[in-house]
Structures are given as C-alpha cells and as structure tokens.
Amino acid sequence: MGIEIEVLNGDASWRLAEPLFNAVWPPQVLAQLPWADIVFAHPDLRVLVQNEAEEVLCHVGLYRRQIIWNGHKIRAGGIGGVLTREDSRRRGYASIALNAAIQTLKDEGSTPFAMLFCEPRTAPFYVGRGWKPYDGEVYAECVEATALELAIVPDLIACHGQTIYHQATEANYLGHPLRCTLQIGEAAIIAERLGITTISDFRPADMAANGQAAPLVPMLDFCLFRHATKNRLLLNLGGIANITALPAGCDVDGVLAFDTGPANMVIDACMKRLYNKRLDDQGATAAKGRILTAIVKQLLQSPYFETPPPKSCGREEYGEAFVTRFIALCEQADARKQDIIATATAFTAETILDAYRRFCWPHLGQLAPLARATELYAAGGGAHNATLMGHLTEGFSALGIKVTTTEAAGLAVEAKEAAAFALLGWLTWHGLPGNVPSATGASRPMILGKVSLA
C-alpha cells in the first residue's frame, strides 16, 4: 500500500485530522480524563501520513514559539499530538511523520531546538529514537554553558522549571476539591551534574498556605524598586499583564500585586489567526488600524475587571474562546484586519489603566499620600510593542505618572523573571520567605522551594 506525507496548515487541515483524533480519543473516553476540559490550540502545521484512499493513518502536530533562553530570544519548536490509527501501528508511520516534522524545522533554519510532548508510557519509544528526556539535563547544560561564557562559578542555582499545569482555584477532581501546580525540570539532576546545590519547585509552598502561588515576582519588585519618597509601579507584559504597586516607603505588607488581564495573549492570537504571524512586531500592524472604542468599552464590563485583588487570570479567560468572540465582535463592526489588532492592543492598554484607577491609585493614596511622584517600569515582551507602550505612556502621563522600562534601572526587560527566581533561591537558602501574601492571597509568609544538595 502506498502512502503520502503532507505538511499542512494546522487550522485548515483540522477537518482531515479530526476523524483520527476521534478514533484514538473517542469523546466518551476523553470526557473521563482529568484534562478533558482543556482546549488545546491547533498546531501551526500538521504532518499527515495518508493512504491511497486519502485516509489519515498518522498525525504529528508542529508548533513554533518565540521564547527567552539564556537572555536571548530564540524560536523553539514543539512537537505533539502524535497519533497513529490502531490498524496502522508498528509499521513505522510515527517515525516517518516525526522525521518529516524535524526536517521541516531544520529546513526553516531558524529553530535551534524542539521539545516533544508525550504521555509517560510512550517516553521509551522516543528515547529509543534519540530524544533526550526534559528532566533537568537541558537546564544543567544551559547553566554550565552560561557559566563558561561569563567565566563564573555559581554558588547556588535556582530553577523554576517549565510550568506544565497551574490550577490556582479549586476544581472538583474525583469528588474532592483540588488546587495544584506542576513544573518540570528535575533539580536533583542539575545538582548532580554540576555539583551545585539547586533550589526548585517554588510554587507549592504558597499554595499549601492557601495562596494562588502567583505572582511570585513581587518580591523582586519590592527588593529592587521600592523607594523612600516615590511610588513605584512594576508592569509585566507577558501573555497576561500583571502589576505590582509599591507605595513610597512601604514594607512588604504594603505591596499590592495582581493580574490586570491580557497583555500579549489576545494580540498574538489575533495576529496568528489573521496574518499567520507570531506577534505584532513593534506594534506596526496596530499602528495602521482604527480602534473600535465601543468594543473596548463593552469588553471592559467583564466582572473580572471589577473583582478586587488578589486575583489572577489566564487562557481560561483570554484564550481561544475569547479571541473567537472578540474577532466576531470586530467583524460585526466591519473592522479590517489591522483594526482588529489595533482594538486588541487598545483593549490591553485600557485594562491596565482601568486596574490602576480602580485598585492601585486608591492603594497608593491610602498608604503614601505624601509621595513625591509615581513612576512605572514595564518589562516583558510587550515592552517591545511601541504602539502598546504609546497607549500606556499617554494614559499614565495624563495621570502624572512617568512611564519607562526596567532597562532604565539596569534590568533587561526579558531578564526580570530570571532575576526574580535567582532572588527567591537566595532567600530560600537563607531560610527567608519569598512570597508576598498580599499578592498571592497566602495566609502567611512562606519559605519557597525544595533544596537538592550537591
């Protein structure tokens, strides 16, 4: 029997792949799994192995993402959704499809490495084909390479790991309320390979104290940016935007921090759907569009924005379902593609400004009424979006607040989270708490993380 291998657009080819998914994961089986309620994004590309009747025998999903690695922006490939029809297994189709996926990444020439996601029971299959388990070895190699590049010998390593799942609020699981968080990257391997004590798994301790285990960056904000006579605002523009408010002269109990809503998440998703691009580089597309102010005002009526902190949000609120509804609203208003991006960008800026007016301004006024000034420092990938930063600068300037980035304070906008967890590791090693209860909702300060001795 002849076969054909095709590499197709992920969204457009779903109709071809869907029968195979339903056969391997029937809806009634899928509904019983712990992750059944998660809506997974379509891959950017699909590798399909088809027979002469054009039936899909095997599927491999291919993802491309821009990430920060050792302080540098690089493109990473993700491979997942490896499925083979039951009557076509053990014929080498999965290996053929995987090789085609890997070759596709190589041909692009801009993706230095890829990660493959699989169930634990299938891991030996991939290990036997040269894949290296993501269990700490990769982190150890990166720390070693960085130490050689900088000619330093680290005394301590802090490794947050890669978040696989984070459920901050209780959900029913097998009849019991459950909150959980999972980060991978085995610290014991890092400590053994490098001979350096490693601290990891920072979030569960805060969750054990009834906190949401996020955000954890406010401790860095407090230690580096608090000022005796000035209020400081620290804004992180990742997928989700979060803000830390530091009243002048505050102690740690005076810190206010929470998620304001989407930052890059909605903008990036719209760019992917409308332009098949990863992001709006420098905000150039948004700058060409018209803002649909009526839609921005309508979306600001969401109950999340009036909910007081501590609070957090994510893809559950601003993922694919929200983006579908958002684009539909814009199209009903006869929006062009660039108008949709402009409106998504303005919506992000307005949610941040709204959060400041609702919660940060009263907080700063109550704890620091005599502060000489208020300054805002932005970080994260969104700090490179000139249109978004322009909206924020205009809006905050009208409130008498100077807007800049953490670069002005000597901290690269991409490096803030790395610096935060280096600090949290140091605090743990010295027996000091690293969470900010007023930010996470924890009942008390907690020493975070687990120690793997070298």
Protein backbone atom coordinates (compact mmCIF):
# COMPACT_ATOMS: atom_id res chain seq x y z
CA MET A 1 0.00 0.00 0.00
CA GLY A 2 1.36 3.41 -0.97
CA ILE A 3 1.43 6.30 1.46
CA GLU A 4 1.67 10.06 1.07
CA ILE A 5 3.19 12.55 3.52
CA GLU A 6 1.82 16.10 3.63
CA VAL A 7 2.75 19.11 5.74
CA LEU A 8 -0.34 21.32 6.01
CA ASN A 9 -1.58 24.43 7.81
CA GLY A 10 -2.79 23.45 11.28
CA ASP A 11 -6.15 25.24 11.25
CA ALA A 12 -7.09 24.47 7.66
CA SER A 13 -6.24 20.75 7.93
CA TRP A 14 -8.19 20.05 11.12
CA ARG A 15 -11.07 18.57 9.10
CA LEU A 16 -8.66 15.92 7.76
CA ALA A 17 -7.15 15.11 11.16
CA GLU A 18 -10.35 15.20 13.24
CA PRO A 19 -11.57 11.65 12.35
CA LEU A 20 -8.23 10.20 13.51
CA PHE A 21 -8.41 12.14 16.81
CA ASN A 22 -11.96 10.93 17.43
CA ALA A 23 -10.92 7.34 16.71
CA VAL A 24 -7.90 7.39 19.03
CA TRP A 25 -9.58 9.56 21.69
CA PRO A 26 -13.34 8.91 21.47
CA PRO A 27 -15.36 11.75 23.07
CA GLN A 28 -16.78 9.44 25.76
CA VAL A 29 -13.24 8.39 26.77
CA LEU A 30 -11.87 11.90 26.60
CA ALA A 31 -14.63 13.17 28.90
CA GLN A 32 -13.35 10.93 31.71
CA LEU A 33 -9.78 12.26 31.64
CA PRO A 34 -8.54 14.90 34.18
CA TRP A 35 -7.58 17.29 31.36
CA ALA A 36 -10.80 16.85 29.38
CA ASP A 37 -11.88 20.47 29.92
CA ILE A 38 -8.66 21.93 28.50
CA VAL A 39 -8.98 23.39 24.99
CA PHE A 40 -5.70 22.85 23.17
CA ALA A 41 -4.55 25.22 20.44
CA HIS A 42 -4.28 23.89 16.91
CA PRO A 43 -0.69 23.30 15.81
CA ASP A 44 0.87 25.69 13.33
CA LEU A 45 1.49 22.79 10.94
CA ARG A 46 0.35 19.18 10.74
CA VAL A 47 2.32 16.28 9.28
CA LEU A 48 -0.18 13.76 7.92
CA VAL A 49 0.58 10.26 6.64
CA GLN A 50 -2.24 9.18 4.31
CA ASN A 51 -3.00 6.03 2.34
CA GLU A 52 -4.11 5.86 -1.29
CA ALA A 53 -7.73 6.39 -0.18
CA GLU A 54 -6.60 9.68 1.44
CA GLU A 55 -7.37 8.32 4.91
CA VAL A 56 -5.12 9.78 7.64
CA LEU A 57 -3.10 6.99 9.22
CA CYS A 58 -0.75 9.06 11.39
CA HIS A 59 -0.61 12.64 12.65
CA VAL A 60 2.11 14.82 14.16
CA GLY A 61 1.43 18.41 15.27
CA LEU A 62 4.14 21.04 14.87
CA TYR A 63 4.27 24.26 16.92
CA ARG A 64 6.58 27.26 16.71
CA ARG A 65 7.09 29.64 19.62
CA GLN A 66 9.44 32.52 20.44
CA ILE A 67 10.98 32.09 23.89
CA ILE A 68 13.69 33.65 26.06
CA TRP A 69 16.64 31.30 26.58
CA ASN A 70 19.71 32.48 28.47
CA GLY A 71 18.54 36.05 27.95
CA HIS A 72 18.24 35.68 24.17
CA LYS A 73 15.12 35.48 22.00
CA ILE A 74 15.07 32.25 20.02
CA ARG A 75 12.49 30.20 18.16
CA ALA A 76 11.63 26.82 19.67
CA GLY A 77 9.72 24.04 18.01
CA GLY A 78 7.13 21.93 19.77
CA ILE A 79 6.03 18.51 18.57
CA GLY A 80 2.92 16.87 19.97
CA GLY A 81 -0.31 15.11 19.13
CA VAL A 82 1.49 12.03 17.76
CA LEU A 83 -1.36 9.70 16.83
CA THR A 84 -1.48 6.54 14.72
CA ARG A 85 -4.61 4.68 13.68
CA GLU A 86 -4.90 1.41 15.58
CA ASP A 87 -4.79 -0.80 12.47
CA SER A 88 -1.71 1.03 11.17
CA ARG A 89 0.59 0.82 14.20
CA ARG A 90 4.02 -0.83 14.26
CA ARG A 91 4.62 0.00 10.62
CA GLY A 92 6.99 2.91 11.19
CA TYR A 93 4.49 5.64 10.30
CA ALA A 94 5.11 7.59 13.51
CA SER A 95 8.86 7.59 12.87
CA ILE A 96 8.29 8.76 9.29
CA ALA A 97 6.00 11.58 10.42
CA LEU A 98 8.36 12.63 13.23
CA ASN A 99 11.31 12.72 10.83
CA ALA A 100 9.26 14.89 8.47
CA ALA A 101 8.39 17.25 11.33
CA ILE A 102 12.03 17.53 12.40
CA GLN A 103 13.16 18.09 8.81
CA THR A 104 10.54 20.83 8.43
CA LEU A 105 12.02 22.66 11.42
CA LYS A 106 15.54 22.20 10.09
CA ASP A 107 14.57 23.49 6.65
CA GLU A 108 13.24 26.70 8.21
CA GLY A 109 16.74 27.29 9.58
CA SER A 110 15.57 29.46 12.47
CA THR A 111 14.59 26.88 15.09
CA PRO A 112 17.62 25.68 17.08
CA PHE A 113 15.80 23.04 19.14
CA ALA A 114 12.45 21.34 19.61
CA MET A 115 10.55 19.80 22.50
CA LEU A 116 8.34 16.75 22.10
CA PHE A 117 5.33 16.27 24.37
CA CYS A 118 4.10 12.76 25.06
CA GLU A 119 2.47 10.55 27.64
CA PRO A 120 4.90 8.96 30.15
CA ARG A 121 4.05 5.46 28.89
CA THR A 122 5.27 6.32 25.39
CA ALA A 123 8.50 8.01 26.52
CA PRO A 124 10.71 4.91 25.91
CA PHE A 125 9.64 4.93 22.24
CA TYR A 126 11.01 8.44 21.77
CA VAL A 127 14.10 7.92 23.93
CA GLY A 128 14.95 4.97 21.67
CA ARG A 129 14.87 7.36 18.72
CA GLY A 130 17.35 9.82 20.19
CA TRP A 131 15.11 12.22 22.12
CA LYS A 132 16.54 13.41 25.42
CA PRO A 133 14.12 13.48 28.40
CA TYR A 134 13.47 17.02 29.67
CA ASP A 135 14.30 16.10 33.24
CA GLY A 136 16.98 18.56 34.22
CA GLU A 137 19.71 17.65 31.76
CA VAL A 138 18.81 20.56 29.48
CA TYR A 139 18.84 23.04 32.36
CA ALA A 140 22.18 21.71 33.58
CA GLU A 141 23.70 22.14 30.13
CA CYS A 142 22.42 25.72 29.90
CA VAL A 143 23.76 26.69 33.33
CA GLU A 144 27.12 25.13 32.50
CA ALA A 145 27.35 26.93 29.14
CA THR A 146 26.39 30.28 30.66
CA ALA A 147 28.90 29.90 33.49
CA LEU A 148 31.66 29.20 30.95
CA GLU A 149 30.60 32.13 28.78
CA LEU A 150 30.65 34.54 31.73
CA ALA A 151 33.71 32.92 33.41
CA ILE A 152 31.91 32.49 36.74
CA VAL A 153 31.43 29.65 39.21
CA PRO A 154 27.87 29.70 40.62
CA ASP A 155 27.42 29.06 44.33
CA LEU A 156 23.72 28.27 44.06
CA ILE A 157 21.22 27.54 41.28
CA ALA A 158 17.53 28.48 41.35
CA CYS A 159 15.44 26.69 38.74
CA HIS A 160 11.74 27.48 38.38
CA GLY A 161 11.31 24.86 35.66
CA GLN A 162 8.72 24.71 32.91
CA THR A 163 5.11 25.08 34.02
CA ILE A 164 3.02 22.24 32.65
CA TYR A 165 -0.17 22.91 34.59
CA HIS A 166 -1.30 25.52 37.08
CA GLN A 167 -4.72 25.45 38.73
CA ALA A 168 -4.86 28.22 41.34
CA THR A 169 -8.53 27.91 42.22
CA GLU A 170 -10.27 24.79 43.47
CA ALA A 171 -11.84 22.40 40.98
CA ASN A 172 -13.54 19.08 41.57
CA TYR A 173 -11.36 16.05 40.90
CA LEU A 174 -12.64 12.56 41.75
CA GLY A 175 -15.09 14.11 44.17
CA HIS A 176 -12.55 16.26 46.02
CA PRO A 177 -11.71 19.97 45.70
CA LEU A 178 -8.20 20.27 44.30
CA ARG A 179 -5.68 23.02 43.56
CA CYS A 180 -2.36 22.10 42.01
CA THR A 181 0.68 23.31 40.12
CA LEU A 182 3.31 21.35 38.19
CA GLN A 183 6.71 22.47 36.91
CA ILE A 184 9.17 20.07 35.26
CA GLY A 185 12.96 20.18 35.24
CA GLU A 186 14.47 17.82 37.83
CA ALA A 187 16.66 19.79 40.26
CA ALA A 188 18.38 16.65 41.60
CA ILE A 189 19.86 16.05 38.14
CA ILE A 190 21.05 19.66 37.88
CA ALA A 191 22.69 19.45 41.31
CA GLU A 192 24.37 16.12 40.50
CA ARG A 193 25.59 17.07 37.03
CA LEU A 194 27.07 20.42 38.10
CA GLY A 195 27.94 19.74 41.72
CA ILE A 196 25.98 22.84 42.76
CA THR A 197 23.09 22.92 45.23
CA THR A 198 19.86 23.65 43.33
CA ILE A 199 16.56 25.07 44.57
CA SER A 200 13.37 24.39 42.63
CA ASP A 201 9.59 23.90 42.84
CA PHE A 202 8.86 27.32 44.32
CA ARG A 203 5.07 27.46 43.97
CA PRO A 204 3.58 24.61 46.06
CA ALA A 205 4.56 26.13 49.43
CA ASP A 206 2.47 29.24 48.78
CA MET A 207 -0.40 27.06 47.58
CA ALA A 208 -0.15 24.99 50.78
CA ALA A 209 -0.80 28.23 52.69
CA ASN A 210 -3.98 28.75 50.64
CA GLY A 211 -2.31 31.13 48.21
CA GLN A 212 -2.64 31.09 44.43
CA ALA A 213 1.14 30.51 44.06
CA ALA A 214 1.25 33.50 41.73
CA PRO A 215 2.51 36.09 41.19
CA LEU A 216 5.92 35.40 42.78
CA VAL A 217 7.83 38.22 41.06
CA PRO A 218 6.58 40.93 43.50
CA MET A 219 9.32 40.02 46.00
CA LEU A 220 11.90 41.14 43.41
CA ASP A 221 9.85 44.26 42.73
CA PHE A 222 9.82 45.05 46.44
CA CYS A 223 13.54 44.44 46.96
CA LEU A 224 14.80 46.27 43.87
CA PHE A 225 12.32 49.04 43.17
CA ARG A 226 10.76 50.36 46.39
CA HIS A 227 11.67 53.98 47.09
CA ALA A 228 11.56 56.07 50.24
CA THR A 229 9.64 59.00 48.73
CA LYS A 230 8.30 57.80 45.35
CA ASN A 231 5.55 55.36 44.45
CA ARG A 232 6.65 52.70 42.00
CA LEU A 233 4.55 50.57 39.63
CA LEU A 234 6.08 47.45 38.05
CA LEU A 235 4.22 46.22 34.99
CA ASN A 236 4.99 42.87 33.37
CA LEU A 237 3.68 42.46 29.82
CA GLY A 238 3.83 38.75 29.10
CA GLY A 239 0.88 36.71 27.86
CA ILE A 240 -1.02 38.11 30.81
CA ALA A 241 -0.31 41.56 32.27
CA ASN A 242 0.39 41.84 35.98
CA ILE A 243 1.16 44.90 38.03
CA THR A 244 2.89 45.49 41.35
CA ALA A 245 2.18 48.70 43.28
CA LEU A 246 4.83 49.82 45.79
CA PRO A 247 3.74 52.76 47.95
CA ALA A 248 6.59 55.10 48.91
CA GLY A 249 8.41 53.80 51.98
CA CYS A 250 6.26 50.63 52.14
CA ASP A 251 7.06 47.38 53.91
CA VAL A 252 6.26 44.03 52.29
CA ASP A 253 2.73 44.03 53.72
CA GLY A 254 2.03 47.21 51.75
CA VAL A 255 2.71 45.57 48.37
CA LEU A 256 -0.28 45.20 46.04
CA ALA A 257 0.10 42.89 43.03
CA PHE A 258 -2.32 41.11 40.69
CA ASP A 259 -3.11 40.19 37.08
CA THR A 260 -4.81 43.06 35.25
CA GLY A 261 -5.93 40.99 32.22
CA PRO A 262 -4.41 40.14 28.84
CA ALA A 263 -1.14 41.64 27.61
CA ASN A 264 0.23 39.88 24.52
CA MET A 265 -2.14 36.90 24.64
CA VAL A 266 -5.06 38.34 22.67
CA ILE A 267 -2.87 40.41 20.33
CA ASP A 268 -0.68 37.42 19.44
CA ALA A 269 -3.67 35.12 18.93
CA CYS A 270 -5.31 37.63 16.60
CA MET A 271 -2.07 38.07 14.65
CA LYS A 272 -1.82 34.30 14.27
CA ARG A 273 -5.38 33.93 13.00
CA LEU A 274 -5.49 36.96 10.76
CA TYR A 275 -1.90 37.21 9.46
CA ASN A 276 -0.38 33.81 10.36
CA LYS A 277 2.32 35.68 12.30
CA ARG A 278 3.55 35.03 15.83
CA LEU A 279 3.21 38.62 17.03
CA ASP A 280 2.74 42.25 16.02
CA ASP A 281 6.38 43.25 15.64
CA GLN A 282 6.90 46.64 17.28
CA GLY A 283 3.12 47.15 17.18
CA ALA A 284 3.39 48.08 13.49
CA THR A 285 0.10 46.46 12.46
CA ALA A 286 -1.85 48.04 15.31
CA ALA A 287 -0.43 51.44 14.39
CA LYS A 288 -2.11 51.18 10.95
CA GLY A 289 -5.54 50.28 12.33
CA ARG A 290 -8.60 52.04 13.71
CA ILE A 291 -9.58 51.43 17.34
CA LEU A 292 -13.17 50.28 17.84
CA THR A 293 -13.77 52.12 21.11
CA ALA A 294 -17.31 50.79 21.55
CA ILE A 295 -15.99 47.22 21.63
CA VAL A 296 -13.23 48.15 24.07
CA LYS A 297 -15.84 49.67 26.40
CA GLN A 298 -18.08 46.62 26.03
CA LEU A 299 -15.29 44.19 26.95
CA LEU A 300 -14.33 46.28 29.98
CA GLN A 301 -17.71 45.37 31.51
CA SER A 302 -16.40 41.87 32.31
CA PRO A 303 -16.78 41.03 36.03
CA TYR A 304 -13.07 40.16 36.25
CA PHE A 305 -12.02 43.79 35.99
CA GLU A 306 -14.09 44.88 38.98
CA THR A 307 -13.07 41.89 41.13
CA PRO A 308 -10.67 43.14 43.83
CA PRO A 309 -7.20 41.59 44.28
CA PRO A 310 -5.69 39.14 44.95
CA LYS A 311 -6.69 37.67 41.60
CA SER A 312 -5.14 36.00 38.59
CA CYS A 313 -6.27 35.05 35.09
CA GLY A 314 -5.02 33.11 32.09
CA ARG A 315 -6.06 31.24 28.97
CA GLU A 316 -9.27 30.16 30.65
CA GLU A 317 -10.44 33.78 30.39
CA TYR A 318 -8.47 35.14 27.42
CA GLY A 319 -7.60 32.12 25.30
CA GLU A 320 -9.05 30.81 22.05
CA ALA A 321 -12.74 31.12 23.04
CA PHE A 322 -12.32 34.79 23.98
CA VAL A 323 -10.38 35.53 20.79
CA THR A 324 -13.11 33.93 18.66
CA ARG A 325 -15.75 36.11 20.31
CA PHE A 326 -13.54 39.20 20.09
CA ILE A 327 -12.87 38.82 16.35
CA ALA A 328 -16.58 38.19 15.72
CA LEU A 329 -17.50 41.41 17.53
CA CYS A 330 -14.98 43.36 15.47
CA GLU A 331 -16.12 41.83 12.18
CA GLN A 332 -19.73 42.73 13.00
CA ALA A 333 -18.48 46.33 13.16
CA ASP A 334 -16.97 45.98 9.64
CA ALA A 335 -13.42 46.03 11.01
CA ARG A 336 -10.42 45.46 8.77
CA LYS A 337 -7.73 43.06 9.97
CA GLN A 338 -5.49 45.90 11.16
CA ASP A 339 -8.46 47.42 13.02
CA ILE A 340 -8.85 44.17 14.99
CA ILE A 341 -5.19 44.27 16.03
CA ALA A 342 -5.45 47.96 16.92
CA THR A 343 -8.54 47.25 19.05
CA ALA A 344 -6.89 44.28 20.81
CA THR A 345 -3.89 46.48 21.61
CA ALA A 346 -6.07 49.31 22.91
CA PHE A 347 -8.09 46.83 24.98
CA THR A 348 -4.90 45.58 26.66
CA ALA A 349 -3.82 49.14 27.48
CA GLU A 350 -7.26 50.08 28.82
CA THR A 351 -7.45 47.05 31.12
CA ILE A 352 -4.11 48.08 32.65
CA LEU A 353 -5.18 51.70 33.07
CA ASP A 354 -8.53 50.59 34.47
CA ALA A 355 -6.79 48.33 37.01
CA TYR A 356 -4.59 51.21 38.11
CA ARG A 357 -7.53 53.58 38.58
CA ARG A 358 -9.69 51.01 40.38
CA PHE A 359 -7.15 49.43 42.73
CA CYS A 360 -3.61 50.87 42.60
CA TRP A 361 -4.44 54.56 42.82
CA PRO A 362 -6.58 54.20 45.99
CA HIS A 363 -3.95 51.86 47.49
CA LEU A 364 -1.11 54.30 46.88
CA GLY A 365 -3.19 57.22 48.10
CA GLN A 366 -4.04 55.45 51.33
CA LEU A 367 -0.53 54.21 52.19
CA ALA A 368 1.58 57.02 50.70
CA PRO A 369 -0.47 60.24 50.48
CA LEU A 370 2.66 62.40 50.61
CA ALA A 371 4.66 60.58 47.91
CA ARG A 372 6.61 62.98 45.71
CA ALA A 373 5.91 61.14 42.44
CA THR A 374 4.74 57.87 40.88
CA GLU A 375 6.84 56.02 38.30
CA LEU A 376 6.02 52.97 36.17
CA TYR A 377 8.61 50.44 34.95
CA ALA A 378 7.49 47.98 32.24
CA ALA A 379 9.10 44.63 31.41
CA GLY A 380 8.28 41.54 29.36
CA GLY A 381 7.85 41.02 25.64
CA GLY A 382 5.08 43.62 25.42
CA ALA A 383 7.59 46.32 26.33
CA HIS A 384 8.87 45.99 22.73
CA ASN A 385 5.41 46.81 21.32
CA ALA A 386 5.74 50.51 20.56
CA THR A 387 2.02 51.00 19.95
CA LEU A 388 1.04 49.37 23.24
CA MET A 389 3.69 51.34 25.11
CA GLY A 390 2.46 54.50 23.39
CA HIS A 391 -1.09 53.94 24.67
CA LEU A 392 0.23 53.29 28.18
CA THR A 393 2.52 56.32 28.14
CA GLU A 394 -0.32 58.56 27.02
CA GLY A 395 -2.77 57.18 29.55
CA PHE A 396 -0.43 57.22 32.54
CA SER A 397 1.08 60.59 31.64
CA ALA A 398 -2.41 62.08 31.90
CA LEU A 399 -2.39 60.79 35.49
CA GLY A 400 1.01 62.36 36.20
CA ILE A 401 2.92 59.06 36.02
CA LYS A 402 6.24 58.71 34.19
CA VAL A 403 6.48 55.53 32.07
CA THR A 404 9.74 53.76 31.26
CA THR A 405 11.08 50.19 31.18
CA THR A 406 13.27 48.23 33.58
CA GLU A 407 16.14 48.81 31.14
CA ALA A 408 16.38 52.30 32.66
CA ALA A 409 17.12 50.66 36.00
CA GLY A 410 19.71 48.28 34.53
CA LEU A 411 17.46 45.22 34.24
CA ALA A 412 16.78 43.83 30.75
CA VAL A 413 13.05 43.54 30.06
CA GLU A 414 13.49 39.86 29.12
CA ALA A 415 15.52 39.03 32.25
CA LYS A 416 13.19 40.11 35.03
CA GLU A 417 11.72 36.71 35.83
CA ALA A 418 15.15 35.06 35.80
CA ALA A 419 16.36 37.67 38.29
CA ALA A 420 13.25 37.11 40.40
CA PHE A 421 13.86 33.40 40.82
CA ALA A 422 17.56 33.92 41.49
CA LEU A 423 16.45 36.10 44.40
CA LEU A 424 13.86 33.57 45.57
CA GLY A 425 16.52 30.84 45.56
CA TRP A 426 18.83 33.00 47.66
CA LEU A 427 16.02 33.71 50.13
CA THR A 428 15.19 30.01 50.45
CA TRP A 429 18.83 29.09 51.06
CA HIS A 430 18.93 31.61 53.89
CA GLY A 431 15.66 30.43 55.41
CA LEU A 432 13.71 33.56 54.44
CA PRO A 433 10.19 33.75 52.97
CA GLY A 434 9.86 34.57 49.29
CA ASN A 435 6.15 35.00 48.71
CA VAL A 436 4.18 38.22 49.19
CA PRO A 437 0.92 37.15 50.90
CA SER A 438 -0.88 40.33 49.90
CA ALA A 439 -0.21 39.39 46.26
CA THR A 440 -0.87 35.64 46.30
CA GLY A 441 -3.54 35.50 49.00
CA ALA A 442 -1.49 33.12 51.17
CA SER A 443 -2.28 33.03 54.86
CA ARG A 444 1.32 33.78 55.86
CA PRO A 445 4.86 34.31 54.51
CA MET A 446 6.35 31.05 53.29
CA ILE A 447 9.85 29.77 52.56
CA LEU A 448 9.53 28.65 48.97
CA GLY A 449 11.03 25.76 47.07
CA LYS A 450 12.80 22.48 47.63
CA VAL A 451 16.56 22.10 48.10
CA SER A 452 18.58 19.48 46.17
CA LEU A 453 22.01 19.34 47.78
CA ALA A 454 25.03 18.74 45.59
